[in-house]
Amino acid sequence: MPDAVEIFEDGSAGFAAARKPAWHRLGTIFEDQDAMTAEQTLTAAKLAGWDVRKQPITSTDNFGNGPVTLTVPDTYAVWRTNPVTSKPQLLVNGTVGKVWDPFQNEEMTDFLDAVSYESGAGFETAGSLSDGQDVFVTMRLPEAIKVGGVDAMDLFLAAHNNHTGRKCLVLSVGAVRIVCKNTQDLHIASAKSTFKIRHTAGMRDGAVAEARKALALSMEYVDALQDEADRMINETFTDAQFEKFMIEMCGERPGDDATPKQVTAWEEEVGSLRWLFRESETQAAIRNTKWGAYQAAVEYLDWMAPVQARKGADPELVRARRTLSTDYANLKQGVYEILQAA
């Protein structure tokens, strides 16, 4: 169960995506994003037809001449129809209360469609996590941020639904493409604007209009991010400045008391960063800019920084998981902040 993606009885995975497979290589991939209608997205991700519902809980006790069965007041179990077996299935290891009202997966895609109406957004990913307790659907917003007209960052509108009674429905806009639990957590943590709806009977009233207001605030954040990125790509960053930045990022060269291994590790890290900033083709359009320095650091952290994998583990899988971790996101944020102060 890679990063909590639900695996069903027939071995299929609760995940679907447009064009680009997830790192875990699970689920259904649509070559054409335009083919991903709401219905097709839900069906491919095994999210359709769950009919999430709550059922009264009873308790039986042997009393007097025979067992006595009573209904536990205001306490319910959450069930669904299994999308593969079509059989009733207990969905949550826990209970919900009287006011909790399930938000169906179909309602989630309808809600996204309504919020993004006329925006041109298309469905991007959808999935079931933690045995169906958490589900998500994302849409790619139609215009990627262009940094100086040459570098693009995609943004995603995401709906996160929870069937346990412990979380709200959350709508968010962020730059992280959600394909698993780690990326969902990272998307939510890095989102600048979110909108929440409680699971109650009146939750739908006026929600679309309010969510559109929240999305407008998110678009203001996108504009600010565009301005900041454009500023960085238009700001020259010399080799001397990059050398100073590397010392801030990697530390000073190890002293005489360091081991040869420590010295070699430092030299390899600094050498890789220099090569990325000065020579890599991936930096060709943004070379000698502050944005280029940031992208060189990110590329090194994502693809070149050594990984420590246990014997028998796939190093690339370990690298992928590390890249998606919250600690790594914080590390990249630290790099960004160093550059802002440079």
C-alpha atoms as a PDB file:
ATOM      1  CA  MET A   1       0.000   0.000   0.000  1.00  0.00           C
ATOM      2  CA  PRO A   2       2.415   2.731  -1.203  1.00  0.00           C
ATOM      3  CA  ASP A   3       1.798   5.832   0.870  1.00  0.00           C
ATOM      4  CA  ALA A   4      -1.713   4.729   1.854  1.00  0.00           C
ATOM      5  CA  VAL A   5      -3.184   4.280  -1.667  1.00  0.00           C
ATOM      6  CA  GLU A   6      -6.055   1.785  -1.265  1.00  0.00           C
ATOM      7  CA  ILE A   7      -5.549  -1.637  -2.860  1.00  0.00           C
ATOM      8  CA  PHE A   8      -8.730  -3.652  -3.485  1.00  0.00           C
ATOM      9  CA  GLU A   9      -9.477  -7.381  -3.411  1.00  0.00           C
ATOM     10  CA  ASP A  10      -8.712  -7.843  -7.114  1.00  0.00           C
ATOM     11  CA  GLY A  11      -5.332  -6.115  -6.817  1.00  0.00           C
ATOM     12  CA  SER A  12      -6.504  -2.884  -8.444  1.00  0.00           C
ATOM     13  CA  ALA A  13      -5.637   0.485  -6.916  1.00  0.00           C
ATOM     14  CA  GLY A  14      -7.890   3.371  -5.975  1.00  0.00           C
ATOM     15  CA  PHE A  15      -6.092   5.939  -8.126  1.00  0.00           C
ATOM     16  CA  ALA A  16      -6.388   7.610 -11.530  1.00  0.00           C
ATOM     17  CA  ALA A  17      -4.384  10.364 -13.228  1.00  0.00           C
ATOM     18  CA  ALA A  18      -4.070  12.319 -16.454  1.00  0.00           C
ATOM     19  CA  ARG A  19      -1.016  11.819 -18.693  1.00  0.00           C
ATOM     20  CA  LYS A  20       1.714  11.504 -16.087  1.00  0.00           C
ATOM     21  CA  PRO A  21       1.897   8.334 -13.924  1.00  0.00           C
ATOM     22  CA  ALA A  22       2.465   8.693 -10.198  1.00  0.00           C
ATOM     23  CA  TRP A  23       5.767   7.583  -8.705  1.00  0.00           C
ATOM     24  CA  HIS A  24       4.020   4.487  -7.313  1.00  0.00           C
ATOM     25  CA  ARG A  25       2.924   3.403 -10.845  1.00  0.00           C
ATOM     26  CA  LEU A  26      -0.514   2.364  -9.609  1.00  0.00           C
ATOM     27  CA  GLY A  27      -3.995   2.927 -10.998  1.00  0.00           C
ATOM     28  CA  THR A  28      -5.369   4.084 -14.343  1.00  0.00           C
ATOM     29  CA  ILE A  29      -3.601   6.681 -16.490  1.00  0.00           C
ATOM     30  CA  PHE A  30      -5.551   8.693 -19.088  1.00  0.00           C
ATOM     31  CA  GLU A  31      -3.362   9.810 -21.992  1.00  0.00           C
ATOM     32  CA  ASP A  32      -5.744  12.685 -22.726  1.00  0.00           C
ATOM     33  CA  GLN A  33      -6.787  14.900 -19.827  1.00  0.00           C
ATOM     34  CA  ASP A  34      -9.863  16.026 -21.772  1.00  0.00           C
ATOM     35  CA  ALA A  35     -11.124  12.436 -21.549  1.00  0.00           C
ATOM     36  CA  MET A  36     -11.285  12.646 -17.759  1.00  0.00           C
ATOM     37  CA  THR A  37     -14.874  13.640 -17.092  1.00  0.00           C
ATOM     38  CA  ALA A  38     -16.077  13.605 -13.503  1.00  0.00           C
ATOM     39  CA  GLU A  39     -17.778  10.243 -14.042  1.00  0.00           C
ATOM     40  CA  GLN A  40     -14.764   8.657 -15.736  1.00  0.00           C
ATOM     41  CA  THR A  41     -12.401   9.999 -13.090  1.00  0.00           C
ATOM     42  CA  LEU A  42     -14.456   8.556 -10.229  1.00  0.00           C
ATOM     43  CA  THR A  43     -14.921   5.190 -11.965  1.00  0.00           C
ATOM     44  CA  ALA A  44     -11.243   4.798 -12.854  1.00  0.00           C
ATOM     45  CA  ALA A  45     -10.147   5.745  -9.327  1.00  0.00           C
ATOM     46  CA  LYS A  46     -12.638   3.281  -7.792  1.00  0.00           C
ATOM     47  CA  LEU A  47     -14.472   6.151  -6.098  1.00  0.00           C
ATOM     48  CA  ALA A  48     -17.866   5.772  -7.777  1.00  0.00           C
ATOM     49  CA  GLY A  49     -20.968   4.270  -6.186  1.00  0.00           C
ATOM     50  CA  TRP A  50     -19.735   4.058  -2.602  1.00  0.00           C
ATOM     51  CA  ASP A  51     -23.043   5.291  -1.158  1.00  0.00           C
ATOM     52  CA  VAL A  52     -21.363   6.225   2.117  1.00  0.00           C
ATOM     53  CA  ARG A  53     -23.930   5.908   4.875  1.00  0.00           C
ATOM     54  CA  LYS A  54     -24.214   5.686   8.626  1.00  0.00           C
ATOM     55  CA  GLN A  55     -25.970   2.862  10.413  1.00  0.00           C
ATOM     56  CA  PRO A  56     -27.168   2.668  14.049  1.00  0.00           C
ATOM     57  CA  ILE A  57     -24.964   0.753  16.455  1.00  0.00           C
ATOM     58  CA  THR A  58     -26.511  -1.864  18.725  1.00  0.00           C
ATOM     59  CA  SER A  59     -25.188  -3.527  21.850  1.00  0.00           C
ATOM     60  CA  THR A  60     -26.281  -6.908  23.262  1.00  0.00           C
ATOM     61  CA  ASP A  61     -26.068  -8.093  26.862  1.00  0.00           C
ATOM     62  CA  ASN A  62     -27.157 -11.390  28.450  1.00  0.00           C
ATOM     63  CA  PHE A  63     -29.721 -10.333  31.047  1.00  0.00           C
ATOM     64  CA  GLY A  64     -32.254 -12.348  32.985  1.00  0.00           C
ATOM     65  CA  ASN A  65     -33.941 -14.943  30.800  1.00  0.00           C
ATOM     66  CA  GLY A  66     -32.112 -14.006  27.602  1.00  0.00           C
ATOM     67  CA  PRO A  67     -30.033 -11.486  25.673  1.00  0.00           C
ATOM     68  CA  VAL A  68     -31.138  -7.882  25.494  1.00  0.00           C
ATOM     69  CA  THR A  69     -30.220  -5.785  22.455  1.00  0.00           C
ATOM     70  CA  LEU A  70     -30.375  -2.006  22.596  1.00  0.00           C
ATOM     71  CA  THR A  71     -29.497   0.735  20.125  1.00  0.00           C
ATOM     72  CA  VAL A  72     -26.680   3.026  21.245  1.00  0.00           C
ATOM     73  CA  PRO A  73     -28.182   6.536  21.082  1.00  0.00           C
ATOM     74  CA  ASP A  74     -26.707   9.114  18.675  1.00  0.00           C
ATOM     75  CA  THR A  75     -23.802   6.824  17.699  1.00  0.00           C
ATOM     76  CA  TYR A  76     -23.364   5.398  14.222  1.00  0.00           C
ATOM     77  CA  ALA A  77     -21.031   3.223  12.176  1.00  0.00           C
ATOM     78  CA  VAL A  78     -19.975   4.320   8.671  1.00  0.00           C
ATOM     79  CA  TRP A  79     -20.466   1.883   5.791  1.00  0.00           C
ATOM     80  CA  ARG A  80     -19.919   1.949   2.046  1.00  0.00           C
ATOM     81  CA  THR A  81     -20.598  -0.295  -0.921  1.00  0.00           C
ATOM     82  CA  ASN A  82     -17.261  -1.798  -1.946  1.00  0.00           C
ATOM     83  CA  PRO A  83     -16.579  -0.626  -5.532  1.00  0.00           C
ATOM     84  CA  VAL A  84     -15.033  -3.959  -6.551  1.00  0.00           C
ATOM     85  CA  THR A  85     -17.137  -6.580  -4.729  1.00  0.00           C
ATOM     86  CA  SER A  86     -20.361  -4.496  -4.572  1.00  0.00           C
ATOM     87  CA  LYS A  87     -20.819  -5.782  -1.018  1.00  0.00           C
ATOM     88  CA  PRO A  88     -21.526  -3.665   2.079  1.00  0.00           C
ATOM     89  CA  GLN A  89     -18.307  -2.853   3.911  1.00  0.00           C
ATOM     90  CA  LEU A  90     -17.570  -1.178   7.240  1.00  0.00           C
ATOM     91  CA  LEU A  91     -15.567   1.865   6.207  1.00  0.00           C
ATOM     92  CA  VAL A  92     -14.383   3.416   9.451  1.00  0.00           C
ATOM     93  CA  ASN A  93     -12.828   1.879  12.554  1.00  0.00           C
ATOM     94  CA  GLY A  94     -14.754   4.236  14.790  1.00  0.00           C
ATOM     95  CA  THR A  95     -18.076   6.036  15.062  1.00  0.00           C
ATOM     96  CA  VAL A  96     -19.765   9.279  14.031  1.00  0.00           C
ATOM     97  CA  GLY A  97     -22.434  11.330  15.747  1.00  0.00           C
ATOM     98  CA  LYS A  98     -25.990  12.385  14.997  1.00  0.00           C
ATOM     99  CA  VAL A  99     -25.188  15.610  13.114  1.00  0.00           C
ATOM    100  CA  TRP A 100     -22.517  14.113  10.835  1.00  0.00           C
ATOM    101  CA  ASP A 101     -23.769  13.827   7.268  1.00  0.00           C
ATOM    102  CA  PRO A 102     -21.674  12.022   4.616  1.00  0.00           C
ATOM    103  CA  PHE A 103     -20.392  13.968   1.653  1.00  0.00           C
ATOM    104  CA  GLN A 104     -20.456  11.520  -1.278  1.00  0.00           C
ATOM    105  CA  ASN A 105     -17.511  11.226  -3.653  1.00  0.00           C
ATOM    106  CA  GLU A 106     -19.806  12.206  -6.529  1.00  0.00           C
ATOM    107  CA  GLU A 107     -20.748  15.375  -4.664  1.00  0.00           C
ATOM    108  CA  MET A 108     -17.061  16.177  -4.309  1.00  0.00           C
ATOM    109  CA  THR A 109     -16.470  16.161  -8.085  1.00  0.00           C
ATOM    110  CA  ASP A 110     -19.719  18.076  -8.657  1.00  0.00           C
ATOM    111  CA  PHE A 111     -18.516  20.634  -6.147  1.00  0.00           C
ATOM    112  CA  LEU A 112     -15.159  21.011  -7.906  1.00  0.00           C
ATOM    113  CA  ASP A 113     -16.900  21.349 -11.248  1.00  0.00           C
ATOM    114  CA  ALA A 114     -19.184  24.061  -9.882  1.00  0.00           C
ATOM    115  CA  VAL A 115     -16.385  25.986  -8.172  1.00  0.00           C
ATOM    116  CA  SER A 116     -14.175  25.913 -11.280  1.00  0.00           C
ATOM    117  CA  TYR A 117     -17.041  26.534 -13.728  1.00  0.00           C
ATOM    118  CA  GLU A 118     -15.846  28.360 -16.878  1.00  0.00           C
ATOM    119  CA  SER A 119     -12.236  28.311 -15.677  1.00  0.00           C
ATOM    120  CA  GLY A 120     -11.144  25.611 -18.115  1.00  0.00           C
ATOM    121  CA  ALA A 121      -9.731  23.428 -15.330  1.00  0.00           C
ATOM    122  CA  GLY A 122      -9.559  19.706 -16.072  1.00  0.00           C
ATOM    123  CA  PHE A 123      -9.492  16.696 -13.776  1.00  0.00           C
ATOM    124  CA  GLU A 124      -5.921  15.660 -12.985  1.00  0.00           C
ATOM    125  CA  THR A 125      -5.793  12.999 -10.243  1.00  0.00           C
ATOM    126  CA  ALA A 126      -8.158  11.178  -7.878  1.00  0.00           C
ATOM    127  CA  GLY A 127      -7.671   8.504  -5.287  1.00  0.00           C
ATOM    128  CA  SER A 128      -8.644   6.628  -2.157  1.00  0.00           C
ATOM    129  CA  LEU A 129      -6.315   6.602   0.863  1.00  0.00           C
ATOM    130  CA  SER A 130      -6.165   4.724   4.148  1.00  0.00           C
ATOM    131  CA  ASP A 131      -8.700   2.059   3.114  1.00  0.00           C
ATOM    132  CA  GLY A 132     -11.169   4.679   1.938  1.00  0.00           C
ATOM    133  CA  GLN A 133     -11.176   6.912   4.989  1.00  0.00           C
ATOM    134  CA  ASP A 134      -9.657   9.780   2.972  1.00  0.00           C
ATOM    135  CA  VAL A 135     -10.321  10.548  -0.686  1.00  0.00           C
ATOM    136  CA  PHE A 136      -9.144  13.311  -3.004  1.00  0.00           C
ATOM    137  CA  VAL A 137      -9.834  14.724  -6.452  1.00  0.00           C
ATOM    138  CA  THR A 138      -7.699  17.384  -8.140  1.00  0.00           C
ATOM    139  CA  MET A 139      -8.038  19.632 -11.164  1.00  0.00           C
ATOM    140  CA  ARG A 140      -5.174  21.276 -13.030  1.00  0.00           C
ATOM    141  CA  LEU A 141      -5.777  25.012 -13.357  1.00  0.00           C
ATOM    142  CA  PRO A 142      -5.613  26.083 -16.994  1.00  0.00           C
ATOM    143  CA  GLU A 143      -2.673  28.502 -16.939  1.00  0.00           C
ATOM    144  CA  ALA A 144       0.634  27.461 -15.439  1.00  0.00           C
ATOM    145  CA  ILE A 145       2.666  30.204 -13.857  1.00  0.00           C
ATOM    146  CA  LYS A 146       5.304  31.398 -16.327  1.00  0.00           C
ATOM    147  CA  VAL A 147       8.468  32.573 -14.623  1.00  0.00           C
ATOM    148  CA  GLY A 148       9.930  35.241 -16.873  1.00  0.00           C
ATOM    149  CA  GLY A 149       8.025  33.566 -19.701  1.00  0.00           C
ATOM    150  CA  VAL A 150      10.331  30.540 -19.759  1.00  0.00           C
ATOM    151  CA  ASP A 151       9.756  28.444 -16.639  1.00  0.00           C
ATOM    152  CA  ALA A 152       6.377  26.973 -15.717  1.00  0.00           C
ATOM    153  CA  MET A 153       4.812  25.852 -12.446  1.00  0.00           C
ATOM    154  CA  ASP A 154       1.451  24.100 -12.522  1.00  0.00           C
ATOM    155  CA  LEU A 155      -1.221  24.804  -9.932  1.00  0.00           C
ATOM    156  CA  PHE A 156      -3.928  22.421  -8.788  1.00  0.00           C
ATOM    157  CA  LEU A 157      -7.382  22.896  -7.293  1.00  0.00           C
ATOM    158  CA  ALA A 158      -7.972  20.006  -4.893  1.00  0.00           C
ATOM    159  CA  ALA A 159     -10.866  18.641  -2.853  1.00  0.00           C
ATOM    160  CA  HIS A 160     -10.024  16.487   0.160  1.00  0.00           C
ATOM    161  CA  ASN A 161     -12.884  14.493   1.689  1.00  0.00           C
ATOM    162  CA  ASN A 162     -12.868  12.416   4.858  1.00  0.00           C
ATOM    163  CA  HIS A 163     -15.404   9.760   5.874  1.00  0.00           C
ATOM    164  CA  THR A 164     -14.404   9.317   9.533  1.00  0.00           C
ATOM    165  CA  GLY A 165     -16.187  12.292  11.076  1.00  0.00           C
ATOM    166  CA  ARG A 166     -12.871  13.749  12.233  1.00  0.00           C
ATOM    167  CA  LYS A 167     -12.137  16.171   9.366  1.00  0.00           C
ATOM    168  CA  CYS A 168     -13.967  18.708   7.218  1.00  0.00           C
ATOM    169  CA  LEU A 169     -14.168  18.697   3.454  1.00  0.00           C
ATOM    170  CA  VAL A 170     -11.240  20.900   2.383  1.00  0.00           C
ATOM    171  CA  LEU A 171     -10.750  22.794  -0.873  1.00  0.00           C
ATOM    172  CA  SER A 172      -7.256  24.095  -1.603  1.00  0.00           C
ATOM    173  CA  VAL A 173      -5.066  25.540  -4.342  1.00  0.00           C
ATOM    174  CA  GLY A 174      -1.402  24.571  -4.418  1.00  0.00           C
ATOM    175  CA  ALA A 175       1.565  23.640  -6.577  1.00  0.00           C
ATOM    176  CA  VAL A 176       1.888  20.015  -5.400  1.00  0.00           C
ATOM    177  CA  ARG A 177       0.312  17.315  -7.620  1.00  0.00           C
ATOM    178  CA  ILE A 178      -1.465  14.887  -5.280  1.00  0.00           C
ATOM    179  CA  VAL A 179      -0.839  11.193  -5.933  1.00  0.00           C
ATOM    180  CA  CYS A 180      -0.578   9.702  -2.406  1.00  0.00           C
ATOM    181  CA  LYS A 181      -0.879  10.595   1.280  1.00  0.00           C
ATOM    182  CA  ASN A 182       2.517  12.301   1.456  1.00  0.00           C
ATOM    183  CA  THR A 183       1.749  14.572  -1.484  1.00  0.00           C
ATOM    184  CA  GLN A 184      -1.719  15.300  -0.104  1.00  0.00           C
ATOM    185  CA  ASP A 185      -0.223  16.349   3.233  1.00  0.00           C
ATOM    186  CA  LEU A 186       2.401  18.452   1.454  1.00  0.00           C
ATOM    187  CA  HIS A 187      -0.196  20.105  -0.808  1.00  0.00           C
ATOM    188  CA  ILE A 188      -2.374  21.081   2.158  1.00  0.00           C
ATOM    189  CA  ALA A 189       0.600  22.236   4.240  1.00  0.00           C
ATOM    190  CA  SER A 190       1.930  24.456   1.435  1.00  0.00           C
ATOM    191  CA  ALA A 191      -1.446  25.819   0.226  1.00  0.00           C
ATOM    192  CA  LYS A 192      -1.805  29.553   0.810  1.00  0.00           C
ATOM    193  CA  SER A 193      -5.596  29.520   0.808  1.00  0.00           C
ATOM    194  CA  THR A 194      -8.085  26.829   1.818  1.00  0.00           C
ATOM    195  CA  PHE A 195     -11.840  26.545   2.224  1.00  0.00           C
ATOM    196  CA  LYS A 196     -13.520  24.122   4.648  1.00  0.00           C
ATOM    197  CA  ILE A 197     -17.024  22.664   4.833  1.00  0.00           C
ATOM    198  CA  ARG A 198     -18.310  20.749   7.856  1.00  0.00           C
ATOM    199  CA  HIS A 199     -20.113  17.441   7.345  1.00  0.00           C
ATOM    200  CA  THR A 200     -23.560  18.589   8.413  1.00  0.00           C
ATOM    201  CA  ALA A 201     -26.933  18.643   6.678  1.00  0.00           C
ATOM    202  CA  GLY A 202     -26.674  22.339   5.819  1.00  0.00           C
ATOM    203  CA  MET A 203     -23.096  22.179   4.595  1.00  0.00           C
ATOM    204  CA  ARG A 204     -24.008  22.639   0.919  1.00  0.00           C
ATOM    205  CA  ASP A 205     -25.982  25.845   1.358  1.00  0.00           C
ATOM    206  CA  GLY A 206     -24.030  28.686  -0.246  1.00  0.00           C
ATOM    207  CA  ALA A 207     -20.827  26.644  -0.242  1.00  0.00           C
ATOM    208  CA  VAL A 208     -20.053  27.064  -3.939  1.00  0.00           C
ATOM    209  CA  ALA A 209     -20.266  30.845  -3.798  1.00  0.00           C
ATOM    210  CA  GLU A 210     -18.124  30.981  -0.666  1.00  0.00           C
ATOM    211  CA  ALA A 211     -15.572  28.612  -2.193  1.00  0.00           C
ATOM    212  CA  ARG A 212     -15.319  30.793  -5.293  1.00  0.00           C
ATOM    213  CA  LYS A 213     -14.466  33.712  -3.043  1.00  0.00           C
ATOM    214  CA  ALA A 214     -11.746  31.590  -1.444  1.00  0.00           C
ATOM    215  CA  LEU A 215     -10.477  30.623  -4.886  1.00  0.00           C
ATOM    216  CA  ALA A 216     -10.278  34.285  -5.819  1.00  0.00           C
ATOM    217  CA  LEU A 217      -8.073  34.823  -2.780  1.00  0.00           C
ATOM    218  CA  SER A 218      -5.950  31.924  -3.964  1.00  0.00           C
ATOM    219  CA  MET A 219      -5.627  33.550  -7.356  1.00  0.00           C
ATOM    220  CA  GLU A 220      -4.328  36.651  -5.598  1.00  0.00           C
ATOM    221  CA  TYR A 221      -1.712  34.389  -4.031  1.00  0.00           C
ATOM    222  CA  VAL A 222      -0.891  33.034  -7.494  1.00  0.00           C
ATOM    223  CA  ASP A 223      -0.414  36.570  -8.780  1.00  0.00           C
ATOM    224  CA  ALA A 224       1.902  37.328  -5.865  1.00  0.00           C
ATOM    225  CA  LEU A 225       3.859  34.137  -6.483  1.00  0.00           C
ATOM    226  CA  GLN A 226       4.134  35.043 -10.179  1.00  0.00           C
ATOM    227  CA  ASP A 227       5.473  38.482  -9.281  1.00  0.00           C
ATOM    228  CA  GLU A 228       8.025  37.062  -6.855  1.00  0.00           C
ATOM    229  CA  ALA A 229       9.217  34.413  -9.305  1.00  0.00           C
ATOM    230  CA  ASP A 230       9.492  36.981 -12.090  1.00  0.00           C
ATOM    231  CA  ARG A 231      11.520  39.206  -9.799  1.00  0.00           C
ATOM    232  CA  MET A 232      13.932  36.365  -9.064  1.00  0.00           C
ATOM    233  CA  ILE A 233      14.379  35.429 -12.713  1.00  0.00           C
ATOM    234  CA  ASN A 234      15.113  39.044 -13.609  1.00  0.00           C
ATOM    235  CA  GLU A 235      17.696  39.416 -10.847  1.00  0.00           C
ATOM    236  CA  THR A 236      21.270  38.575 -11.881  1.00  0.00           C
ATOM    237  CA  PHE A 237      23.085  36.096  -9.653  1.00  0.00           C
ATOM    238  CA  THR A 238      26.862  35.948 -10.172  1.00  0.00           C
ATOM    239  CA  ASP A 239      29.243  33.057  -9.587  1.00  0.00           C
ATOM    240  CA  ALA A 240      30.574  34.869  -6.521  1.00  0.00           C
ATOM    241  CA  GLN A 241      27.056  35.197  -5.107  1.00  0.00           C
ATOM    242  CA  PHE A 242      26.400  31.537  -5.814  1.00  0.00           C
ATOM    243  CA  GLU A 243      29.612  30.542  -3.994  1.00  0.00           C
ATOM    244  CA  LYS A 244      28.428  32.471  -0.929  1.00  0.00           C
ATOM    245  CA  PHE A 245      24.974  30.863  -1.235  1.00  0.00           C
ATOM    246  CA  MET A 246      26.540  27.376  -1.322  1.00  0.00           C
ATOM    247  CA  ILE A 247      28.417  28.063   1.913  1.00  0.00           C
ATOM    248  CA  GLU A 248      25.113  29.086   3.514  1.00  0.00           C
ATOM    249  CA  MET A 249      23.483  25.918   2.214  1.00  0.00           C
ATOM    250  CA  CYS A 250      26.310  23.357   2.646  1.00  0.00           C
ATOM    251  CA  GLY A 251      28.439  24.881   5.381  1.00  0.00           C
ATOM    252  CA  GLU A 252      32.149  25.673   5.289  1.00  0.00           C
ATOM    253  CA  ARG A 253      34.619  23.149   3.941  1.00  0.00           C
ATOM    254  CA  PRO A 254      35.281  20.521   6.680  1.00  0.00           C
ATOM    255  CA  GLY A 255      38.346  21.297   8.796  1.00  0.00           C
ATOM    256  CA  ASP A 256      41.459  19.247   9.535  1.00  0.00           C
ATOM    257  CA  ASP A 257      39.631  17.141  12.119  1.00  0.00           C
ATOM    258  CA  ALA A 258      37.122  15.888   9.504  1.00  0.00           C
ATOM    259  CA  THR A 259      37.299  12.396   8.044  1.00  0.00           C
ATOM    260  CA  PRO A 260      38.171  11.865   4.357  1.00  0.00           C
ATOM    261  CA  LYS A 261      34.583  10.672   3.843  1.00  0.00           C
ATOM    262  CA  GLN A 262      33.187  13.946   5.203  1.00  0.00           C
ATOM    263  CA  VAL A 263      35.514  16.008   3.007  1.00  0.00           C
ATOM    264  CA  THR A 264      34.594  13.956  -0.082  1.00  0.00           C
ATOM    265  CA  ALA A 265      30.860  14.322   0.628  1.00  0.00           C
ATOM    266  CA  TRP A 266      31.200  18.105   0.936  1.00  0.00           C
ATOM    267  CA  GLU A 267      33.258  18.372  -2.256  1.00  0.00           C
ATOM    268  CA  GLU A 268      30.751  16.257  -4.208  1.00  0.00           C
ATOM    269  CA  GLU A 269      27.797  18.339  -2.990  1.00  0.00           C
ATOM    270  CA  VAL A 270      29.465  21.652  -3.824  1.00  0.00           C
ATOM    271  CA  GLY A 271      30.747  20.340  -7.145  1.00  0.00           C
ATOM    272  CA  SER A 272      27.285  19.139  -8.163  1.00  0.00           C
ATOM    273  CA  LEU A 273      25.707  22.473  -7.270  1.00  0.00           C
ATOM    274  CA  ARG A 274      28.368  24.397  -9.232  1.00  0.00           C
ATOM    275  CA  TRP A 275      27.820  22.200 -12.279  1.00  0.00           C
ATOM    276  CA  LEU A 276      24.045  22.610 -12.128  1.00  0.00           C
ATOM    277  CA  PHE A 277      24.242  26.385 -11.826  1.00  0.00           C
ATOM    278  CA  ARG A 278      26.970  26.931 -14.447  1.00  0.00           C
ATOM    279  CA  GLU A 279      26.611  24.139 -17.005  1.00  0.00           C
ATOM    280  CA  SER A 280      23.427  22.033 -16.743  1.00  0.00           C
ATOM    281  CA  GLU A 281      21.072  22.238 -19.719  1.00  0.00           C
ATOM    282  CA  THR A 282      18.129  22.328 -17.309  1.00  0.00           C
ATOM    283  CA  GLN A 283      19.321  25.805 -16.280  1.00  0.00           C
ATOM    284  CA  ALA A 284      19.934  27.103 -19.812  1.00  0.00           C
ATOM    285  CA  ALA A 285      16.955  29.486 -19.912  1.00  0.00           C
ATOM    286  CA  ILE A 286      17.453  30.811 -16.378  1.00  0.00           C
ATOM    287  CA  ARG A 287      21.241  30.670 -15.925  1.00  0.00           C
ATOM    288  CA  ASN A 288      22.950  33.352 -13.806  1.00  0.00           C
ATOM    289  CA  THR A 289      19.675  34.416 -12.167  1.00  0.00           C
ATOM    290  CA  LYS A 290      18.469  34.087  -8.591  1.00  0.00           C
ATOM    291  CA  TRP A 291      15.679  31.816  -9.834  1.00  0.00           C
ATOM    292  CA  GLY A 292      18.319  29.679 -11.551  1.00  0.00           C
ATOM    293  CA  ALA A 293      20.208  29.380  -8.262  1.00  0.00           C
ATOM    294  CA  TYR A 294      17.049  28.213  -6.522  1.00  0.00           C
ATOM    295  CA  GLN A 295      16.238  25.689  -9.240  1.00  0.00           C
ATOM    296  CA  ALA A 296      19.829  24.362  -9.164  1.00  0.00           C
ATOM    297  CA  ALA A 297      19.498  23.754  -5.420  1.00  0.00           C
ATOM    298  CA  VAL A 298      16.079  22.088  -5.824  1.00  0.00           C
ATOM    299  CA  GLU A 299      17.322  19.873  -8.667  1.00  0.00           C
ATOM    300  CA  TYR A 300      20.276  18.764  -6.553  1.00  0.00           C
ATOM    301  CA  LEU A 301      18.075  17.978  -3.546  1.00  0.00           C
ATOM    302  CA  ASP A 302      15.533  16.077  -5.654  1.00  0.00           C
ATOM    303  CA  TRP A 303      17.801  14.101  -7.960  1.00  0.00           C
ATOM    304  CA  MET A 304      21.452  14.152  -6.881  1.00  0.00           C
ATOM    305  CA  ALA A 305      21.652  14.305  -3.088  1.00  0.00           C
ATOM    306  CA  PRO A 306      22.708  10.869  -1.752  1.00  0.00           C
ATOM    307  CA  VAL A 307      20.014   8.599  -0.308  1.00  0.00           C
ATOM    308  CA  GLN A 308      20.455   6.009   2.414  1.00  0.00           C
ATOM    309  CA  ALA A 309      18.456   2.914   1.519  1.00  0.00           C
ATOM    310  CA  ARG A 310      18.257  -0.245   3.575  1.00  0.00           C
ATOM    311  CA  LYS A 311      19.654  -3.402   2.016  1.00  0.00           C
ATOM    312  CA  GLY A 312      17.311  -4.647  -0.693  1.00  0.00           C
ATOM    313  CA  ALA A 313      15.358  -1.365  -0.908  1.00  0.00           C
ATOM    314  CA  ASP A 314      14.952   0.445  -4.220  1.00  0.00           C
ATOM    315  CA  PRO A 315      17.063   3.636  -3.934  1.00  0.00           C
ATOM    316  CA  GLU A 316      14.862   5.488  -6.431  1.00  0.00           C
ATOM    317  CA  LEU A 317      11.737   4.661  -4.417  1.00  0.00           C
ATOM    318  CA  VAL A 318      13.492   5.872  -1.266  1.00  0.00           C
ATOM    319  CA  ARG A 319      14.458   9.054  -3.125  1.00  0.00           C
ATOM    320  CA  ALA A 320      10.881   9.605  -4.318  1.00  0.00           C
ATOM    321  CA  ARG A 321       9.490   9.237  -0.804  1.00  0.00           C
ATOM    322  CA  ARG A 322      12.133  11.542   0.617  1.00  0.00           C
ATOM    323  CA  THR A 323      11.345  14.168  -2.014  1.00  0.00           C
ATOM    324  CA  LEU A 324       7.672  14.079  -0.987  1.00  0.00           C
ATOM    325  CA  SER A 325       8.313  14.343   2.743  1.00  0.00           C
ATOM    326  CA  THR A 326       7.388  17.374   4.814  1.00  0.00           C
ATOM    327  CA  ASP A 327      10.971  17.610   6.139  1.00  0.00           C
ATOM    328  CA  TYR A 328      12.248  17.928   2.592  1.00  0.00           C
ATOM    329  CA  ALA A 329       9.669  20.595   1.813  1.00  0.00           C
ATOM    330  CA  ASN A 330      10.895  22.529   4.856  1.00  0.00           C
ATOM    331  CA  LEU A 331      14.486  22.126   3.649  1.00  0.00           C
ATOM    332  CA  LYS A 332      13.583  23.635   0.273  1.00  0.00           C
ATOM    333  CA  GLN A 333      11.764  26.472   2.031  1.00  0.00           C
ATOM    334  CA  GLY A 334      14.946  27.130   3.993  1.00  0.00           C
ATOM    335  CA  VAL A 335      16.929  27.301   0.746  1.00  0.00           C
ATOM    336  CA  TYR A 336      14.369  29.759  -0.642  1.00  0.00           C
ATOM    337  CA  GLU A 337      14.685  31.952   2.445  1.00  0.00           C
ATOM    338  CA  ILE A 338      18.501  31.977   2.191  1.00  0.00           C
ATOM    339  CA  LEU A 339      18.198  33.227  -1.374  1.00  0.00           C
ATOM    340  CA  GLN A 340      15.693  35.926  -0.398  1.00  0.00           C
ATOM    341  CA  ALA A 341      18.251  37.273   2.051  1.00  0.00           C
ATOM    342  CA  ALA A 342      21.127  37.090  -0.461  1.00  0.00           C
END
